[in-house]
Amino acid sequence: MARDDRDGERGEVVNWEDLPKEVLETMKELGHFSPTVDETAKELKGYTFDNDIGGVSKTYWEAKDLRRIAGHLFNVAEWLEARAEKAGKL
């Protein structure tokens, strides 16, 4: 289900293509991520670089993984801004 920003509750199920263009572009930038065929799986499939094999491999992220990653990215953004502020560049 997609987030419905009008009332803060989960909205009706929408097609992947109905998500904002910016969201789809970000998922593409991260590794061409898109939903798996199994709608009950709550997961995306994409491709990421794997140092162990020295190439690209399939990667599956579940909804819980995406929330964890989002939190980590927020923390990194906060750290970058704090570092720049400390250096007098913000």
N, C-alpha and C. Protein backbone atom coordinates (compact mmCIF):
# COMPACT_ATOMS: atom_id res chain seq x y z
N MET A 1 0.84 -1.17 0.00
CA MET A 1 0.00 0.00 0.00
C MET A 1 0.89 1.24 0.00
N ALA A 2 0.45 2.24 -0.66
CA ALA A 2 1.21 3.47 -0.75
C ALA A 2 0.78 4.43 0.35
N ARG A 3 1.67 5.30 0.71
CA ARG A 3 1.38 6.30 1.73
C ARG A 3 0.47 7.37 1.14
N ASP A 4 -0.58 7.71 1.85
CA ASP A 4 -1.50 8.76 1.42
C ASP A 4 -1.21 9.97 2.30
N ASP A 5 -0.55 10.98 1.74
CA ASP A 5 -0.13 12.15 2.53
C ASP A 5 -1.28 13.05 2.93
N ARG A 6 -2.44 12.84 2.36
CA ARG A 6 -3.57 13.73 2.69
C ARG A 6 -4.06 13.51 4.11
N ASP A 7 -4.08 12.26 4.57
CA ASP A 7 -4.62 12.02 5.90
C ASP A 7 -3.64 11.29 6.82
N GLY A 8 -2.41 11.04 6.34
CA GLY A 8 -1.41 10.40 7.18
C GLY A 8 -1.63 8.91 7.36
N GLU A 9 -2.62 8.35 6.71
CA GLU A 9 -2.90 6.92 6.80
C GLU A 9 -2.47 6.25 5.51
N ARG A 10 -2.40 4.94 5.54
CA ARG A 10 -2.09 4.23 4.31
C ARG A 10 -3.25 4.37 3.34
N GLY A 11 -2.90 4.68 2.11
CA GLY A 11 -3.93 4.86 1.09
C GLY A 11 -4.26 3.54 0.43
N GLU A 12 -5.03 3.63 -0.60
CA GLU A 12 -5.40 2.44 -1.35
C GLU A 12 -4.18 1.92 -2.09
N VAL A 13 -4.22 0.64 -2.42
CA VAL A 13 -3.14 0.05 -3.19
C VAL A 13 -3.08 0.73 -4.55
N VAL A 14 -1.89 1.12 -4.93
CA VAL A 14 -1.70 1.76 -6.23
C VAL A 14 -0.71 0.94 -7.05
N ASN A 15 -0.70 1.20 -8.34
CA ASN A 15 0.28 0.57 -9.21
C ASN A 15 1.65 1.20 -8.95
N TRP A 16 2.68 0.41 -9.13
CA TRP A 16 4.05 0.89 -8.95
C TRP A 16 4.27 2.17 -9.76
N GLU A 17 3.77 2.18 -10.97
CA GLU A 17 3.95 3.33 -11.86
C GLU A 17 3.23 4.58 -11.37
N ASP A 18 2.31 4.42 -10.41
CA ASP A 18 1.58 5.56 -9.86
C ASP A 18 2.35 6.30 -8.77
N LEU A 19 3.46 5.72 -8.33
CA LEU A 19 4.29 6.42 -7.35
C LEU A 19 4.89 7.66 -8.02
N PRO A 20 5.27 8.67 -7.23
CA PRO A 20 5.85 9.87 -7.83
C PRO A 20 7.08 9.54 -8.69
N LYS A 21 7.22 10.27 -9.77
CA LYS A 21 8.32 10.05 -10.71
C LYS A 21 9.68 10.08 -10.00
N GLU A 22 9.84 10.99 -9.03
CA GLU A 22 11.09 11.12 -8.31
C GLU A 22 11.41 9.84 -7.52
N VAL A 23 10.38 9.21 -6.96
CA VAL A 23 10.56 7.97 -6.21
C VAL A 23 11.04 6.87 -7.14
N LEU A 24 10.38 6.75 -8.28
CA LEU A 24 10.76 5.71 -9.25
C LEU A 24 12.17 5.94 -9.77
N GLU A 25 12.54 7.19 -9.99
CA GLU A 25 13.89 7.50 -10.45
C GLU A 25 14.93 7.13 -9.40
N THR A 26 14.63 7.39 -8.14
CA THR A 26 15.55 7.02 -7.06
C THR A 26 15.71 5.51 -7.00
N MET A 27 14.63 4.78 -7.11
CA MET A 27 14.72 3.32 -7.08
C MET A 27 15.54 2.80 -8.25
N LYS A 28 15.43 3.46 -9.37
CA LYS A 28 16.24 3.08 -10.54
C LYS A 28 17.71 3.37 -10.28
N GLU A 29 18.00 4.54 -9.70
CA GLU A 29 19.38 4.91 -9.39
C GLU A 29 20.02 3.95 -8.39
N LEU A 30 19.24 3.45 -7.46
CA LEU A 30 19.76 2.55 -6.43
C LEU A 30 20.06 1.15 -6.96
N GLY A 31 19.54 0.83 -8.14
CA GLY A 31 19.81 -0.49 -8.69
C GLY A 31 18.65 -1.08 -9.45
N HIS A 32 17.89 -0.22 -10.10
CA HIS A 32 16.74 -0.69 -10.90
C HIS A 32 15.78 -1.54 -10.07
N PHE A 33 15.47 -1.07 -8.86
CA PHE A 33 14.56 -1.81 -7.98
C PHE A 33 13.12 -1.63 -8.41
N SER A 34 12.38 -2.73 -8.37
CA SER A 34 10.95 -2.72 -8.66
C SER A 34 10.32 -3.90 -7.92
N PRO A 35 9.01 -3.90 -7.77
CA PRO A 35 8.36 -4.95 -6.99
C PRO A 35 8.53 -6.33 -7.64
N THR A 36 8.60 -7.34 -6.79
CA THR A 36 8.60 -8.71 -7.30
C THR A 36 7.19 -9.06 -7.74
N VAL A 37 7.06 -10.15 -8.45
CA VAL A 37 5.76 -10.58 -8.97
C VAL A 37 4.80 -10.95 -7.85
N ASP A 38 5.32 -11.54 -6.77
CA ASP A 38 4.49 -11.99 -5.65
C ASP A 38 4.09 -10.79 -4.79
N GLU A 39 2.84 -10.35 -4.93
CA GLU A 39 2.36 -9.17 -4.20
C GLU A 39 2.33 -9.37 -2.70
N THR A 40 2.29 -10.62 -2.23
CA THR A 40 2.26 -10.86 -0.78
C THR A 40 3.64 -10.81 -0.16
N ALA A 41 4.69 -10.77 -0.97
CA ALA A 41 6.06 -10.84 -0.45
C ALA A 41 6.55 -9.52 0.13
N LYS A 42 5.95 -8.41 -0.19
CA LYS A 42 6.36 -7.09 0.30
C LYS A 42 7.85 -6.85 0.04
N GLU A 43 8.29 -7.14 -1.19
CA GLU A 43 9.70 -6.96 -1.48
C GLU A 43 9.93 -6.41 -2.88
N LEU A 44 11.12 -5.81 -3.03
CA LEU A 44 11.59 -5.31 -4.30
C LEU A 44 12.79 -6.13 -4.73
N LYS A 45 12.99 -6.21 -6.04
CA LYS A 45 14.19 -6.85 -6.56
C LYS A 45 14.93 -5.82 -7.38
N GLY A 46 16.23 -5.80 -7.21
CA GLY A 46 17.08 -4.92 -7.99
C GLY A 46 18.45 -5.53 -8.11
N TYR A 47 19.41 -4.70 -8.46
CA TYR A 47 20.77 -5.18 -8.70
C TYR A 47 21.74 -4.25 -8.00
N THR A 48 22.65 -4.84 -7.23
CA THR A 48 23.68 -4.07 -6.53
C THR A 48 25.04 -4.69 -6.79
N PHE A 49 26.08 -3.90 -6.62
CA PHE A 49 27.43 -4.40 -6.81
C PHE A 49 27.82 -5.26 -5.62
N ASP A 50 28.39 -6.39 -5.90
CA ASP A 50 28.81 -7.34 -4.87
C ASP A 50 30.33 -7.48 -4.94
N ASN A 51 31.02 -6.95 -3.93
CA ASN A 51 32.49 -7.02 -3.91
C ASN A 51 33.00 -8.45 -3.90
N ASP A 52 32.26 -9.36 -3.26
CA ASP A 52 32.70 -10.75 -3.15
C ASP A 52 32.81 -11.43 -4.51
N ILE A 53 31.91 -11.09 -5.41
CA ILE A 53 31.95 -11.72 -6.73
C ILE A 53 32.54 -10.79 -7.78
N GLY A 54 32.76 -9.54 -7.40
CA GLY A 54 33.34 -8.57 -8.32
C GLY A 54 32.41 -8.16 -9.44
N GLY A 55 31.13 -8.18 -9.17
CA GLY A 55 30.15 -7.80 -10.18
C GLY A 55 28.80 -7.53 -9.57
N VAL A 56 27.81 -7.45 -10.43
CA VAL A 56 26.45 -7.13 -10.01
C VAL A 56 25.70 -8.41 -9.67
N SER A 57 24.89 -8.35 -8.62
CA SER A 57 24.06 -9.50 -8.26
C SER A 57 22.65 -9.04 -7.95
N LYS A 58 21.70 -9.96 -8.02
CA LYS A 58 20.31 -9.66 -7.66
C LYS A 58 20.26 -9.38 -6.17
N THR A 59 19.45 -8.39 -5.81
CA THR A 59 19.27 -8.02 -4.41
C THR A 59 17.78 -7.89 -4.14
N TYR A 60 17.34 -8.45 -3.04
CA TYR A 60 15.94 -8.35 -2.63
C TYR A 60 15.87 -7.54 -1.34
N TRP A 61 15.01 -6.52 -1.32
CA TRP A 61 14.76 -5.73 -0.13
C TRP A 61 13.30 -5.84 0.24
N GLU A 62 13.04 -6.22 1.48
CA GLU A 62 11.67 -6.26 1.99
C GLU A 62 11.32 -4.87 2.53
N ALA A 63 10.05 -4.66 2.81
CA ALA A 63 9.59 -3.37 3.35
C ALA A 63 10.38 -2.99 4.60
N LYS A 64 10.63 -3.96 5.48
CA LYS A 64 11.38 -3.66 6.71
C LYS A 64 12.81 -3.24 6.40
N ASP A 65 13.41 -3.81 5.35
CA ASP A 65 14.76 -3.41 4.95
C ASP A 65 14.77 -1.97 4.46
N LEU A 66 13.75 -1.60 3.68
CA LEU A 66 13.67 -0.24 3.16
C LEU A 66 13.53 0.78 4.29
N ARG A 67 12.75 0.44 5.31
CA ARG A 67 12.61 1.35 6.47
C ARG A 67 13.94 1.47 7.22
N ARG A 68 14.64 0.37 7.37
CA ARG A 68 15.94 0.38 8.04
C ARG A 68 16.93 1.22 7.24
N ILE A 69 16.98 1.01 5.93
CA ILE A 69 17.88 1.76 5.06
C ILE A 69 17.55 3.24 5.09
N ALA A 70 16.26 3.58 5.06
CA ALA A 70 15.85 4.99 5.12
C ALA A 70 16.36 5.65 6.39
N GLY A 71 16.24 4.96 7.51
CA GLY A 71 16.75 5.51 8.77
C GLY A 71 18.25 5.71 8.73
N HIS A 72 18.96 4.77 8.15
CA HIS A 72 20.41 4.89 8.04
C HIS A 72 20.80 6.05 7.14
N LEU A 73 20.10 6.21 6.02
CA LEU A 73 20.39 7.31 5.12
C LEU A 73 20.11 8.66 5.79
N PHE A 74 19.06 8.73 6.59
CA PHE A 74 18.76 9.96 7.33
C PHE A 74 19.91 10.28 8.29
N ASN A 75 20.41 9.26 9.00
CA ASN A 75 21.52 9.47 9.93
C ASN A 75 22.78 9.95 9.20
N VAL A 76 23.05 9.39 8.05
CA VAL A 76 24.22 9.81 7.27
C VAL A 76 24.05 11.25 6.81
N ALA A 77 22.86 11.63 6.36
CA ALA A 77 22.61 13.01 5.94
C ALA A 77 22.81 13.98 7.10
N GLU A 78 22.32 13.61 8.27
CA GLU A 78 22.51 14.44 9.47
C GLU A 78 24.00 14.59 9.79
N TRP A 79 24.75 13.51 9.69
CA TRP A 79 26.17 13.53 9.97
C TRP A 79 26.91 14.43 8.98
N LEU A 80 26.57 14.31 7.69
CA LEU A 80 27.20 15.16 6.67
C LEU A 80 26.96 16.63 6.93
N GLU A 81 25.71 16.98 7.29
CA GLU A 81 25.40 18.38 7.57
C GLU A 81 26.11 18.87 8.81
N ALA A 82 26.19 18.04 9.85
CA ALA A 82 26.89 18.43 11.07
C ALA A 82 28.38 18.62 10.80
N ARG A 83 28.95 17.75 9.99
CA ARG A 83 30.37 17.86 9.64
C ARG A 83 30.63 19.15 8.87
N ALA A 84 29.75 19.46 7.91
CA ALA A 84 29.91 20.69 7.13
C ALA A 84 29.74 21.92 8.01
N GLU A 85 28.77 21.87 8.92
CA GLU A 85 28.55 23.00 9.83
C GLU A 85 29.78 23.22 10.71
N LYS A 86 30.34 22.15 11.21
CA LYS A 86 31.54 22.25 12.05
C LYS A 86 32.70 22.84 11.26
N ALA A 87 32.76 22.52 9.97
CA ALA A 87 33.81 23.03 9.12
C ALA A 87 33.51 24.45 8.63
N GLY A 88 32.32 24.99 8.99
CA GLY A 88 31.96 26.33 8.61
C GLY A 88 31.49 26.49 7.18
N LYS A 89 30.95 25.42 6.61
CA LYS A 89 30.52 25.46 5.21
C LYS A 89 29.03 25.39 5.03
N LEU A 90 28.25 25.40 6.08
CA LEU A 90 26.80 25.29 5.92
C LEU A 90 26.14 26.61 6.09
